[in-house]
PDB file of N, CA and C in Angstrom:
ATOM      1  N   MET A   1      61.366  31.848 -81.595  1.00  0.00           N
ATOM      2  CA  MET A   1      60.188  31.064 -81.561  1.00  0.00           C
ATOM      3  C   MET A   1      60.413  29.864 -80.564  1.00  0.00           C
ATOM      4  N   ASN A   2      59.387  29.546 -79.745  1.00  0.00           N
ATOM      5  CA  ASN A   2      59.449  28.455 -78.806  1.00  0.00           C
ATOM      6  C   ASN A   2      58.351  27.518 -79.070  1.00  0.00           C
ATOM      7  N   THR A   3      58.720  26.215 -79.234  1.00  0.00           N
ATOM      8  CA  THR A   3      57.766  25.191 -79.404  1.00  0.00           C
ATOM      9  C   THR A   3      57.221  24.694 -78.105  1.00  0.00           C
ATOM     10  N   ILE A   4      56.020  24.935 -77.840  1.00  0.00           N
ATOM     11  CA  ILE A   4      55.438  24.664 -76.473  1.00  0.00           C
ATOM     12  C   ILE A   4      54.792  23.137 -76.582  1.00  0.00           C
ATOM     13  N   TYR A   5      54.388  22.747 -77.673  1.00  0.00           N
ATOM     14  CA  TYR A   5      53.633  21.436 -77.773  1.00  0.00           C
ATOM     15  C   TYR A   5      53.904  20.962 -79.246  1.00  0.00           C
ATOM     16  N   LYS A   6      54.053  19.671 -79.499  1.00  0.00           N
ATOM     17  CA  LYS A   6      54.011  19.089 -80.873  1.00  0.00           C
ATOM     18  C   LYS A   6      53.619  17.674 -80.861  1.00  0.00           C
ATOM     19  N   THR A   7      52.812  17.378 -81.794  1.00  0.00           N
ATOM     20  CA  THR A   7      52.358  16.017 -81.809  1.00  0.00           C
ATOM     21  C   THR A   7      52.041  15.637 -83.283  1.00  0.00           C
ATOM     22  N   ASN A   8      51.791  14.354 -83.730  1.00  0.00           N
ATOM     23  CA  ASN A   8      51.407  13.952 -84.942  1.00  0.00           C
ATOM     24  C   ASN A   8      50.094  13.257 -84.909  1.00  0.00           C
ATOM     25  N   VAL A   9      49.217  13.439 -85.850  1.00  0.00           N
ATOM     26  CA  VAL A   9      47.918  12.812 -85.854  1.00  0.00           C
ATOM     27  C   VAL A   9      48.202  11.238 -86.300  1.00  0.00           C
ATOM     28  N   SER A  10      47.642  10.366 -85.598  1.00  0.00           N
ATOM     29  CA  SER A  10      47.763   8.944 -85.933  1.00  0.00           C
ATOM     30  C   SER A  10      46.534   8.366 -86.473  1.00  0.00           C
ATOM     31  N   LYS A  11      45.409   9.000 -86.207  1.00  0.00           N
ATOM     32  CA  LYS A  11      44.119   8.420 -86.824  1.00  0.00           C
ATOM     33  C   LYS A  11      43.074   9.576 -86.662  1.00  0.00           C
ATOM     34  N   VAL A  12      42.184   9.606 -87.760  1.00  0.00           N
ATOM     35  CA  VAL A  12      41.116  10.642 -87.797  1.00  0.00           C
ATOM     36  C   VAL A  12      39.817   9.814 -87.759  1.00  0.00           C
ATOM     37  N   GLY A  13      38.980  10.035 -86.828  1.00  0.00           N
ATOM     38  CA  GLY A  13      37.753   9.381 -86.733  1.00  0.00           C
ATOM     39  C   GLY A  13      36.829   9.755 -88.002  1.00  0.00           C
ATOM     40  N   PRO A  14      35.969   8.779 -88.398  1.00  0.00           N
ATOM     41  CA  PRO A  14      35.228   9.079 -89.622  1.00  0.00           C
ATOM     42  C   PRO A  14      34.108  10.202 -89.424  1.00  0.00           C
ATOM     43  N   LEU A  15      33.802  10.668 -88.272  1.00  0.00           N
ATOM     44  CA  LEU A  15      32.928  11.734 -88.099  1.00  0.00           C
ATOM     45  C   LEU A  15      33.442  13.052 -87.709  1.00  0.00           C
ATOM     46  N   VAL A  16      34.884  13.101 -87.806  1.00  0.00           N
ATOM     47  CA  VAL A  16      35.594  14.403 -87.429  1.00  0.00           C
ATOM     48  C   VAL A  16      35.219  15.525 -88.293  1.00  0.00           C
ATOM     49  N   GLU A  17      35.061  15.210 -89.555  1.00  0.00           N
ATOM     50  CA  GLU A  17      34.803  16.373 -90.519  1.00  0.00           C
ATOM     51  C   GLU A  17      33.387  16.947 -90.407  1.00  0.00           C
ATOM     52  N   GLN A  18      32.514  16.189 -89.714  1.00  0.00           N
ATOM     53  CA  GLN A  18      31.142  16.729 -89.486  1.00  0.00           C
ATOM     54  C   GLN A  18      31.104  17.827 -88.456  1.00  0.00           C
ATOM     55  N   PHE A  19      32.209  17.979 -87.636  1.00  0.00           N
ATOM     56  CA  PHE A  19      32.351  18.921 -86.756  1.00  0.00           C
ATOM     57  C   PHE A  19      32.948  20.179 -87.314  1.00  0.00           C
ATOM     58  N   TYR A  20      33.595  20.118 -88.526  1.00  0.00           N
ATOM     59  CA  TYR A  20      34.136  21.316 -89.201  1.00  0.00           C
ATOM     60  C   TYR A  20      33.114  22.433 -89.248  1.00  0.00           C
ATOM     61  N   GLY A  21      31.885  22.015 -89.522  1.00  0.00           N
ATOM     62  CA  GLY A  21      30.767  23.037 -89.800  1.00  0.00           C
ATOM     63  C   GLY A  21      30.430  23.695 -88.521  1.00  0.00           C
ATOM     64  N   GLU A  22      30.741  23.023 -87.349  1.00  0.00           N
ATOM     65  CA  GLU A  22      30.583  23.668 -86.048  1.00  0.00           C
ATOM     66  C   GLU A  22      31.833  24.419 -85.487  1.00  0.00           C
ATOM     67  N   LYS A  23      32.883  24.407 -86.489  1.00  0.00           N
ATOM     68  CA  LYS A  23      34.071  25.176 -86.149  1.00  0.00           C
ATOM     69  C   LYS A  23      34.842  24.486 -84.940  1.00  0.00           C
ATOM     70  N   MET A  24      34.898  23.089 -84.932  1.00  0.00           N
ATOM     71  CA  MET A  24      35.244  22.402 -83.790  1.00  0.00           C
ATOM     72  C   MET A  24      36.047  21.117 -84.178  1.00  0.00           C
ATOM     73  N   VAL A  25      37.079  20.800 -83.383  1.00  0.00           N
ATOM     74  CA  VAL A  25      37.874  19.554 -83.523  1.00  0.00           C
ATOM     75  C   VAL A  25      38.163  19.108 -82.133  1.00  0.00           C
ATOM     76  N   ILE A  26      37.950  17.852 -81.908  1.00  0.00           N
ATOM     77  CA  ILE A  26      38.144  17.275 -80.651  1.00  0.00           C
ATOM     78  C   ILE A  26      39.509  16.375 -80.752  1.00  0.00           C
ATOM     79  N   LEU A  27      40.437  16.711 -79.945  1.00  0.00           N
ATOM     80  CA  LEU A  27      41.732  15.996 -79.850  1.00  0.00           C
ATOM     81  C   LEU A  27      41.742  14.977 -78.732  1.00  0.00           C
ATOM     82  N   PHE A  28      42.296  13.790 -78.871  1.00  0.00           N
ATOM     83  CA  PHE A  28      42.508  12.887 -77.758  1.00  0.00           C
ATOM     84  C   PHE A  28      43.844  12.070 -78.099  1.00  0.00           C
ATOM     85  N   LYS A  29      44.521  11.827 -77.063  1.00  0.00           N
ATOM     86  CA  LYS A  29      45.657  10.957 -77.228  1.00  0.00           C
ATOM     87  C   LYS A  29      45.247   9.535 -77.632  1.00  0.00           C
ATOM     88  N   GLU A  30      46.108   8.783 -78.290  1.00  0.00           N
ATOM     89  CA  GLU A  30      45.883   7.401 -78.686  1.00  0.00           C
ATOM     90  C   GLU A  30      45.412   6.654 -77.459  1.00  0.00           C
ATOM     91  N   GLY A  31      44.381   5.781 -77.701  1.00  0.00           N
ATOM     92  CA  GLY A  31      43.865   4.960 -76.487  1.00  0.00           C
ATOM     93  C   GLY A  31      42.702   5.656 -75.938  1.00  0.00           C
ATOM     94  N   ALA A  32      42.113   6.612 -76.571  1.00  0.00           N
ATOM     95  CA  ALA A  32      40.840   7.216 -76.175  1.00  0.00           C
ATOM     96  C   ALA A  32      39.766   6.138 -76.052  1.00  0.00           C
ATOM     97  N   PRO A  33      38.790   6.262 -75.252  1.00  0.00           N
ATOM     98  CA  PRO A  33      37.668   5.278 -75.222  1.00  0.00           C
ATOM     99  C   PRO A  33      37.096   4.958 -76.508  1.00  0.00           C
ATOM    100  N   GLU A  34      36.919   3.633 -76.806  1.00  0.00           N
ATOM    101  CA  GLU A  34      36.459   3.167 -78.093  1.00  0.00           C
ATOM    102  C   GLU A  34      35.275   4.070 -78.687  1.00  0.00           C
ATOM    103  N   GLU A  35      34.162   4.353 -77.790  1.00  0.00           N
ATOM    104  CA  GLU A  35      33.069   4.980 -78.129  1.00  0.00           C
ATOM    105  C   GLU A  35      33.260   6.442 -78.634  1.00  0.00           C
ATOM    106  N   LEU A  36      34.399   7.017 -78.151  1.00  0.00           N
ATOM    107  CA  LEU A  36      34.747   8.362 -78.596  1.00  0.00           C
ATOM    108  C   LEU A  36      35.587   8.450 -79.836  1.00  0.00           C
ATOM    109  N   GLN A  37      36.318   7.443 -80.154  1.00  0.00           N
ATOM    110  CA  GLN A  37      37.346   7.551 -81.250  1.00  0.00           C
ATOM    111  C   GLN A  37      36.771   8.004 -82.577  1.00  0.00           C
ATOM    112  N   GLU A  38      35.444   7.669 -82.910  1.00  0.00           N
ATOM    113  CA  GLU A  38      35.017   8.050 -84.234  1.00  0.00           C
ATOM    114  C   GLU A  38      34.735   9.686 -84.379  1.00  0.00           C
ATOM    115  N   TYR A  39      34.730  10.331 -83.249  1.00  0.00           N
ATOM    116  CA  TYR A  39      34.570  11.781 -83.230  1.00  0.00           C
ATOM    117  C   TYR A  39      35.931  12.560 -83.139  1.00  0.00           C
ATOM    118  N   CYS A  40      36.933  11.809 -82.880  1.00  0.00           N
ATOM    119  CA  CYS A  40      38.192  12.420 -82.379  1.00  0.00           C
ATOM    120  C   CYS A  40      39.299  12.316 -83.400  1.00  0.00           C
ATOM    121  N   VAL A  41      40.190  13.267 -83.278  1.00  0.00           N
ATOM    122  CA  VAL A  41      41.529  13.200 -84.003  1.00  0.00           C
ATOM    123  C   VAL A  41      42.423  12.645 -82.989  1.00  0.00           C
ATOM    124  N   LEU A  42      42.988  11.518 -83.174  1.00  0.00           N
ATOM    125  CA  LEU A  42      43.798  10.823 -82.207  1.00  0.00           C
ATOM    126  C   LEU A  42      45.219  11.216 -82.660  1.00  0.00           C
ATOM    127  N   HIS A  43      46.092  11.408 -81.540  1.00  0.00           N
ATOM    128  CA  HIS A  43      47.451  11.873 -81.774  1.00  0.00           C
ATOM    129  C   HIS A  43      48.435  11.124 -80.832  1.00  0.00           C
ATOM    130  N   GLU A  44      49.757  11.242 -81.080  1.00  0.00           N
ATOM    131  CA  GLU A  44      50.664  10.379 -80.440  1.00  0.00           C
ATOM    132  C   GLU A  44      51.166  10.955 -78.978  1.00  0.00           C
ATOM    133  N   THR A  45      51.373  12.156 -78.902  1.00  0.00           N
ATOM    134  CA  THR A  45      51.999  12.789 -77.669  1.00  0.00           C
ATOM    135  C   THR A  45      51.229  13.771 -77.023  1.00  0.00           C
ATOM    136  N   ASN A  46      51.217  13.825 -75.678  1.00  0.00           N
ATOM    137  CA  ASN A  46      50.640  14.892 -75.000  1.00  0.00           C
ATOM    138  C   ASN A  46      51.597  15.430 -73.861  1.00  0.00           C
ATOM    139  N   GLN A  47      52.788  15.679 -74.308  1.00  0.00           N
ATOM    140  CA  GLN A  47      53.744  16.407 -73.393  1.00  0.00           C
ATOM    141  C   GLN A  47      53.599  17.884 -73.718  1.00  0.00           C
ATOM    142  N   LEU A  48      53.264  18.656 -72.715  1.00  0.00           N
ATOM    143  CA  LEU A  48      53.169  20.109 -72.896  1.00  0.00           C
ATOM    144  C   LEU A  48      54.325  20.688 -72.143  1.00  0.00           C
ATOM    145  N   ASP A  49      55.177  21.470 -72.867  1.00  0.00           N
ATOM    146  CA  ASP A  49      56.398  21.979 -72.207  1.00  0.00           C
ATOM    147  C   ASP A  49      56.225  23.177 -71.318  1.00  0.00           C
ATOM    148  N   GLU A  50      55.158  23.966 -71.761  1.00  0.00           N
ATOM    149  CA  GLU A  50      54.718  25.180 -71.056  1.00  0.00           C
ATOM    150  C   GLU A  50      53.242  25.331 -71.218  1.00  0.00           C
ATOM    151  N   ASP A  51      52.597  26.098 -70.337  1.00  0.00           N
ATOM    152  CA  ASP A  51      51.268  26.350 -70.414  1.00  0.00           C
ATOM    153  C   ASP A  51      51.006  27.225 -71.825  1.00  0.00           C
ATOM    154  N   ILE A  52      49.875  26.880 -72.493  1.00  0.00           N
ATOM    155  CA  ILE A  52      49.405  27.622 -73.620  1.00  0.00           C
ATOM    156  C   ILE A  52      48.714  28.854 -73.180  1.00  0.00           C
ATOM    157  N   LYS A  53      49.009  30.007 -73.883  1.00  0.00           N
ATOM    158  CA  LYS A  53      48.506  31.225 -73.486  1.00  0.00           C
ATOM    159  C   LYS A  53      47.890  31.987 -74.599  1.00  0.00           C
ATOM    160  N   VAL A  54      46.992  32.906 -74.306  1.00  0.00           N
ATOM    161  CA  VAL A  54      46.508  33.801 -75.426  1.00  0.00           C
ATOM    162  C   VAL A  54      47.638  34.407 -76.087  1.00  0.00           C
ATOM    163  N   GLY A  55      47.624  34.463 -77.480  1.00  0.00           N
ATOM    164  CA  GLY A  55      48.652  35.060 -78.254  1.00  0.00           C
ATOM    165  C   GLY A  55      49.507  34.062 -78.874  1.00  0.00           C
ATOM    166  N   ASP A  56      49.611  32.858 -78.259  1.00  0.00           N
ATOM    167  CA  ASP A  56      50.414  31.723 -78.842  1.00  0.00           C
ATOM    168  C   ASP A  56      49.649  31.364 -80.156  1.00  0.00           C
ATOM    169  N   SER A  57      50.375  30.566 -80.979  1.00  0.00           N
ATOM    170  CA  SER A  57      49.784  30.124 -82.371  1.00  0.00           C
ATOM    171  C   SER A  57      49.800  28.610 -82.375  1.00  0.00           C
ATOM    172  N   LEU A  58      48.603  28.042 -82.780  1.00  0.00           N
ATOM    173  CA  LEU A  58      48.420  26.664 -82.961  1.00  0.00           C
ATOM    174  C   LEU A  58      48.661  26.456 -84.486  1.00  0.00           C
ATOM    175  N   TYR A  59      49.432  25.419 -84.887  1.00  0.00           N
ATOM    176  CA  TYR A  59      49.567  25.063 -86.318  1.00  0.00           C
ATOM    177  C   TYR A  59      49.114  23.801 -86.653  1.00  0.00           C
ATOM    178  N   LEU A  60      48.317  23.631 -87.637  1.00  0.00           N
ATOM    179  CA  LEU A  60      47.942  22.396 -88.406  1.00  0.00           C
ATOM    180  C   LEU A  60      48.911  22.261 -89.539  1.00  0.00           C
ATOM    181  N   ASN A  61      49.820  21.431 -89.469  1.00  0.00           N
ATOM    182  CA  ASN A  61      50.943  21.544 -90.574  1.00  0.00           C
ATOM    183  C   ASN A  61      51.359  22.910 -90.632  1.00  0.00           C
ATOM    184  N   ASN A  62      51.279  23.614 -91.718  1.00  0.00           N
ATOM    185  CA  ASN A  62      51.874  25.058 -91.811  1.00  0.00           C
ATOM    186  C   ASN A  62      50.847  26.056 -91.686  1.00  0.00           C
ATOM    187  N   LYS A  63      49.605  25.695 -91.390  1.00  0.00           N
ATOM    188  CA  LYS A  63      48.459  26.710 -91.297  1.00  0.00           C
ATOM    189  C   LYS A  63      48.550  27.319 -89.875  1.00  0.00           C
ATOM    190  N   GLU A  64      48.691  28.550 -89.595  1.00  0.00           N
ATOM    191  CA  GLU A  64      48.592  29.133 -88.299  1.00  0.00           C
ATOM    192  C   GLU A  64      47.257  29.673 -87.928  1.00  0.00           C
ATOM    193  N   TYR A  65      47.026  29.424 -86.624  1.00  0.00           N
ATOM    194  CA  TYR A  65      45.696  29.859 -86.055  1.00  0.00           C
ATOM    195  C   TYR A  65      46.142  30.488 -84.609  1.00  0.00           C
ATOM    196  N   LYS A  66      45.827  31.786 -84.420  1.00  0.00           N
ATOM    197  CA  LYS A  66      46.153  32.600 -83.248  1.00  0.00           C
ATOM    198  C   LYS A  66      45.190  31.957 -82.064  1.00  0.00           C
ATOM    199  N   VAL A  67      45.878  31.778 -80.847  1.00  0.00           N
ATOM    200  CA  VAL A  67      45.009  31.480 -79.720  1.00  0.00           C
ATOM    201  C   VAL A  67      44.319  32.716 -79.254  1.00  0.00           C
ATOM    202  N   THR A  68      42.987  32.735 -79.119  1.00  0.00           N
ATOM    203  CA  THR A  68      42.205  33.749 -78.583  1.00  0.00           C
ATOM    204  C   THR A  68      41.798  33.682 -77.127  1.00  0.00           C
ATOM    205  N   ALA A  69      41.589  32.371 -76.807  1.00  0.00           N
ATOM    206  CA  ALA A  69      41.187  32.076 -75.299  1.00  0.00           C
ATOM    207  C   ALA A  69      41.613  30.682 -74.971  1.00  0.00           C
ATOM    208  N   VAL A  70      41.919  30.466 -73.661  1.00  0.00           N
ATOM    209  CA  VAL A  70      42.265  29.186 -73.169  1.00  0.00           C
ATOM    210  C   VAL A  70      41.380  28.868 -71.885  1.00  0.00           C
ATOM    211  N   GLY A  71      40.743  27.721 -72.118  1.00  0.00           N
ATOM    212  CA  GLY A  71      39.759  27.340 -70.998  1.00  0.00           C
ATOM    213  C   GLY A  71      40.699  26.873 -69.882  1.00  0.00           C
ATOM    214  N   ASP A  72      40.076  27.022 -68.632  1.00  0.00           N
ATOM    215  CA  ASP A  72      40.852  26.772 -67.516  1.00  0.00           C
ATOM    216  C   ASP A  72      41.388  25.414 -67.187  1.00  0.00           C
ATOM    217  N   ALA A  73      40.908  24.414 -68.077  1.00  0.00           N
ATOM    218  CA  ALA A  73      41.459  23.059 -67.940  1.00  0.00           C
ATOM    219  C   ALA A  73      42.237  22.571 -69.025  1.00  0.00           C
ATOM    220  N   VAL A  74      42.444  23.439 -70.066  1.00  0.00           N
ATOM    221  CA  VAL A  74      43.199  23.091 -71.345  1.00  0.00           C
ATOM    222  C   VAL A  74      44.549  22.593 -71.039  1.00  0.00           C
ATOM    223  N   ASN A  75      45.285  23.267 -70.290  1.00  0.00           N
ATOM    224  CA  ASN A  75      46.621  22.843 -70.088  1.00  0.00           C
ATOM    225  C   ASN A  75      46.810  21.537 -69.314  1.00  0.00           C
ATOM    226  N   LYS A  76      46.025  21.385 -68.317  1.00  0.00           N
ATOM    227  CA  LYS A  76      46.045  20.065 -67.476  1.00  0.00           C
ATOM    228  C   LYS A  76      45.544  19.011 -68.299  1.00  0.00           C
ATOM    229  N   ASN A  77      44.385  19.151 -68.981  1.00  0.00           N
ATOM    230  CA  ASN A  77      43.829  18.061 -69.839  1.00  0.00           C
ATOM    231  C   ASN A  77      44.720  17.696 -71.007  1.00  0.00           C
ATOM    232  N   LEU A  78      45.365  18.672 -71.669  1.00  0.00           N
ATOM    233  CA  LEU A  78      46.218  18.323 -72.690  1.00  0.00           C
ATOM    234  C   LEU A  78      47.450  17.497 -72.195  1.00  0.00           C
ATOM    235  N   ASN A  79      47.969  17.927 -71.133  1.00  0.00           N
ATOM    236  CA  ASN A  79      49.143  17.294 -70.581  1.00  0.00           C
ATOM    237  C   ASN A  79      48.818  15.928 -69.953  1.00  0.00           C
ATOM    238  N   ASP A  80      47.671  15.703 -69.304  1.00  0.00           N
ATOM    239  CA  ASP A  80      47.387  14.571 -68.629  1.00  0.00           C
ATOM    240  C   ASP A  80      46.743  13.471 -69.550  1.00  0.00           C
ATOM    241  N   LEU A  81      45.795  14.001 -70.438  1.00  0.00           N
ATOM    242  CA  LEU A  81      45.043  13.080 -71.291  1.00  0.00           C
ATOM    243  C   LEU A  81      45.207  13.219 -72.766  1.00  0.00           C
ATOM    244  N   GLY A  82      45.782  14.371 -73.108  1.00  0.00           N
ATOM    245  CA  GLY A  82      45.921  14.631 -74.550  1.00  0.00           C
ATOM    246  C   GLY A  82      44.524  14.921 -75.080  1.00  0.00           C
ATOM    247  N   HIS A  83      43.606  15.459 -74.334  1.00  0.00           N
ATOM    248  CA  HIS A  83      42.153  15.689 -74.717  1.00  0.00           C
ATOM    249  C   HIS A  83      41.848  17.043 -74.515  1.00  0.00           C
ATOM    250  N   ILE A  84      41.654  17.774 -75.558  1.00  0.00           N
ATOM    251  CA  ILE A  84      40.950  19.168 -75.508  1.00  0.00           C
ATOM    252  C   ILE A  84      40.081  19.286 -76.807  1.00  0.00           C
ATOM    253  N   THR A  85      39.278  20.390 -76.799  1.00  0.00           N
ATOM    254  CA  THR A  85      38.468  20.773 -77.977  1.00  0.00           C
ATOM    255  C   THR A  85      38.983  21.942 -78.431  1.00  0.00           C
ATOM    256  N   LEU A  86      39.256  22.006 -79.805  1.00  0.00           N
ATOM    257  CA  LEU A  86      39.609  23.170 -80.500  1.00  0.00           C
ATOM    258  C   LEU A  86      38.377  23.769 -81.109  1.00  0.00           C
ATOM    259  N   LYS A  87      38.243  25.172 -80.809  1.00  0.00           N
ATOM    260  CA  LYS A  87      37.040  25.816 -81.394  1.00  0.00           C
ATOM    261  C   LYS A  87      37.726  27.011 -82.285  1.00  0.00           C
ATOM    262  N   PHE A  88      37.269  27.059 -83.580  1.00  0.00           N
ATOM    263  CA  PHE A  88      37.823  27.989 -84.407  1.00  0.00           C
ATOM    264  C   PHE A  88      36.849  29.190 -84.660  1.00  0.00           C
ATOM    265  N   ASN A  89      36.449  29.796 -83.529  1.00  0.00           N
ATOM    266  CA  ASN A  89      35.401  30.845 -83.579  1.00  0.00           C
ATOM    267  C   ASN A  89      35.926  32.275 -83.277  1.00  0.00           C
ATOM    268  N   GLY A  90      37.094  32.422 -82.865  1.00  0.00           N
ATOM    269  CA  GLY A  90      37.650  33.780 -82.604  1.00  0.00           C
ATOM    270  C   GLY A  90      37.183  34.291 -81.318  1.00  0.00           C
ATOM    271  N   GLU A  91      36.371  33.682 -80.483  1.00  0.00           N
ATOM    272  CA  GLU A  91      35.852  34.287 -79.206  1.00  0.00           C
ATOM    273  C   GLU A  91      36.939  34.625 -78.352  1.00  0.00           C
ATOM    274  N   ASN A  92      36.644  35.583 -77.293  1.00  0.00           N
ATOM    275  CA  ASN A  92      37.669  35.973 -76.349  1.00  0.00           C
ATOM    276  C   ASN A  92      37.442  35.170 -75.014  1.00  0.00           C
ATOM    277  N   SER A  93      36.688  34.239 -74.885  1.00  0.00           N
ATOM    278  CA  SER A  93      36.482  33.359 -73.806  1.00  0.00           C
ATOM    279  C   SER A  93      36.142  31.981 -74.298  1.00  0.00           C
ATOM    280  N   ALA A  94      36.476  30.963 -73.399  1.00  0.00           N
ATOM    281  CA  ALA A  94      36.213  29.558 -73.783  1.00  0.00           C
ATOM    282  C   ALA A  94      34.805  29.236 -73.107  1.00  0.00           C
ATOM    283  N   ASP A  95      33.858  28.586 -73.887  1.00  0.00           N
ATOM    284  CA  ASP A  95      32.609  28.281 -73.282  1.00  0.00           C
ATOM    285  C   ASP A  95      32.777  27.076 -72.236  1.00  0.00           C
ATOM    286  N   LEU A  96      33.772  26.173 -72.461  1.00  0.00           N
ATOM    287  CA  LEU A  96      33.986  25.123 -71.581  1.00  0.00           C
ATOM    288  C   LEU A  96      35.505  24.997 -71.106  1.00  0.00           C
ATOM    289  N   PRO A  97      35.788  24.526 -69.956  1.00  0.00           N
ATOM    290  CA  PRO A  97      37.122  24.493 -69.388  1.00  0.00           C
ATOM    291  C   PRO A  97      38.094  23.807 -70.344  1.00  0.00           C
ATOM    292  N   GLY A  98      37.723  22.814 -71.029  1.00  0.00           N
ATOM    293  CA  GLY A  98      38.557  22.084 -71.820  1.00  0.00           C
ATOM    294  C   GLY A  98      38.639  22.509 -73.311  1.00  0.00           C
ATOM    295  N   THR A  99      38.313  23.891 -73.498  1.00  0.00           N
ATOM    296  CA  THR A  99      38.360  24.364 -74.891  1.00  0.00           C
ATOM    297  C   THR A  99      39.404  25.407 -75.077  1.00  0.00           C
ATOM    298  N   LEU A 100      40.223  25.107 -76.192  1.00  0.00           N
ATOM    299  CA  LEU A 100      41.152  26.069 -76.633  1.00  0.00           C
ATOM    300  C   LEU A 100      40.489  26.769 -77.943  1.00  0.00           C
ATOM    301  N   VAL A 101      40.415  28.099 -77.703  1.00  0.00           N
ATOM    302  CA  VAL A 101      39.694  28.960 -78.721  1.00  0.00           C
ATOM    303  C   VAL A 101      40.826  29.446 -79.653  1.00  0.00           C
ATOM    304  N   LEU A 102      40.435  29.416 -80.997  1.00  0.00           N
ATOM    305  CA  LEU A 102      41.420  29.893 -82.036  1.00  0.00           C
ATOM    306  C   LEU A 102      40.661  30.902 -82.932  1.00  0.00           C
ATOM    307  N   GLU A 103      41.424  31.654 -83.647  1.00  0.00           N
ATOM    308  CA  GLU A 103      40.808  32.705 -84.617  1.00  0.00           C
ATOM    309  C   GLU A 103      39.898  32.053 -85.562  1.00  0.00           C
ATOM    310  N   ASP A 104      38.926  32.876 -85.993  1.00  0.00           N
ATOM    311  CA  ASP A 104      37.867  32.325 -86.857  1.00  0.00           C
ATOM    312  C   ASP A 104      38.517  32.217 -88.283  1.00  0.00           C
ATOM    313  N   GLU A 105      38.972  31.020 -88.536  1.00  0.00           N
ATOM    314  CA  GLU A 105      39.503  30.751 -89.909  1.00  0.00           C
ATOM    315  C   GLU A 105      39.070  29.357 -90.308  1.00  0.00           C
ATOM    316  N   PRO A 106      38.951  29.098 -91.566  1.00  0.00           N
ATOM    317  CA  PRO A 106      38.486  27.733 -91.956  1.00  0.00           C
ATOM    318  C   PRO A 106      39.588  26.653 -91.383  1.00  0.00           C
ATOM    319  N   ILE A 107      39.123  25.529 -91.058  1.00  0.00           N
ATOM    320  CA  ILE A 107      39.848  24.484 -90.528  1.00  0.00           C
ATOM    321  C   ILE A 107      40.582  23.772 -91.734  1.00  0.00           C
ATOM    322  N   ASP A 108      41.882  23.755 -91.626  1.00  0.00           N
ATOM    323  CA  ASP A 108      42.737  22.891 -92.489  1.00  0.00           C
ATOM    324  C   ASP A 108      42.361  21.544 -92.411  1.00  0.00           C
ATOM    325  N   THR A 109      42.165  20.660 -93.430  1.00  0.00           N
ATOM    326  CA  THR A 109      41.716  19.285 -93.336  1.00  0.00           C
ATOM    327  C   THR A 109      42.834  18.544 -92.511  1.00  0.00           C
ATOM    328  N   ILE A 110      42.399  17.835 -91.560  1.00  0.00           N
ATOM    329  CA  ILE A 110      43.283  17.035 -90.767  1.00  0.00           C
ATOM    330  C   ILE A 110      43.330  15.594 -91.187  1.00  0.00           C
ATOM    331  N   THR A 111      44.552  15.079 -91.507  1.00  0.00           N
ATOM    332  CA  THR A 111      44.692  13.652 -91.881  1.00  0.00           C
ATOM    333  C   THR A 111      45.745  13.079 -91.087  1.00  0.00           C
ATOM    334  N   GLU A 112      45.862  11.692 -91.336  1.00  0.00           N
ATOM    335  CA  GLU A 112      46.864  10.915 -90.587  1.00  0.00           C
ATOM    336  C   GLU A 112      48.282  11.499 -91.009  1.00  0.00           C
ATOM    337  N   GLY A 113      49.120  11.856 -90.041  1.00  0.00           N
ATOM    338  CA  GLY A 113      50.414  12.413 -90.348  1.00  0.00           C
ATOM    339  C   GLY A 113      50.450  13.902 -90.158  1.00  0.00           C
ATOM    340  N   THR A 114      49.215  14.588 -90.094  1.00  0.00           N
ATOM    341  CA  THR A 114      49.281  15.960 -89.771  1.00  0.00           C
ATOM    342  C   THR A 114      50.103  16.285 -88.520  1.00  0.00           C
ATOM    343  N   THR A 115      50.726  17.369 -88.582  1.00  0.00           N
ATOM    344  CA  THR A 115      51.564  17.811 -87.390  1.00  0.00           C
ATOM    345  C   THR A 115      50.674  18.867 -86.743  1.00  0.00           C
ATOM    346  N   ILE A 116      50.517  18.797 -85.482  1.00  0.00           N
ATOM    347  CA  ILE A 116      49.794  19.812 -84.593  1.00  0.00           C
ATOM    348  C   ILE A 116      50.870  20.454 -83.692  1.00  0.00           C
ATOM    349  N   SER A 117      51.088  21.676 -83.745  1.00  0.00           N
ATOM    350  CA  SER A 117      52.010  22.241 -82.812  1.00  0.00           C
ATOM    351  C   SER A 117      51.567  23.649 -82.260  1.00  0.00           C
ATOM    352  N   VAL A 118      52.100  23.962 -81.052  1.00  0.00           N
ATOM    353  CA  VAL A 118      51.716  25.316 -80.533  1.00  0.00           C
ATOM    354  C   VAL A 118      53.054  25.990 -80.350  1.00  0.00           C
ATOM    355  N   ILE A 119      53.120  27.230 -80.945  1.00  0.00           N
ATOM    356  CA  ILE A 119      54.417  27.979 -80.966  1.00  0.00           C
ATOM    357  C   ILE A 119      54.160  29.328 -80.266  1.00  0.00           C
ATOM    358  N   ARG A 120      55.187  29.689 -79.468  1.00  0.00           N
ATOM    359  CA  ARG A 120      55.140  31.079 -78.781  1.00  0.00           C
ATOM    360  C   ARG A 120      56.202  31.833 -79.543  1.00  0.00           C
ATOM    361  N   LYS A 121      55.888  33.043 -80.189  1.00  0.00           N
ATOM    362  CA  LYS A 121      56.842  33.880 -80.849  1.00  0.00           C
ATOM    363  C   LYS A 121      57.447  34.941 -79.918  1.00  0.00           C
TER     364      LYS A 121
END
């Protein structure tokens, strides 16, 4: 197994859970614009060691979600800004360039200290 990306959640905006019903989570590195922070999961690191590909797995703590589609801007945005949208709908294509699509599974509750990682097996 190869860890491609790993970060820890430093803050969860008060409106993040409202997006769970839309099967969506917005990630942003610490220092996101103030007006966006209430909607975002803020995290510490945005160093991507390799590009994320279909078939990789994203983990929220120990819960695994298979990557089903990678938007054209996901790898650049995650590496440069720490900003992407996670969609948990299992689609085979991303509707927006900054969207990482994951299998259709319930979203594990994200809290401060949650580890987010991407693993290639």
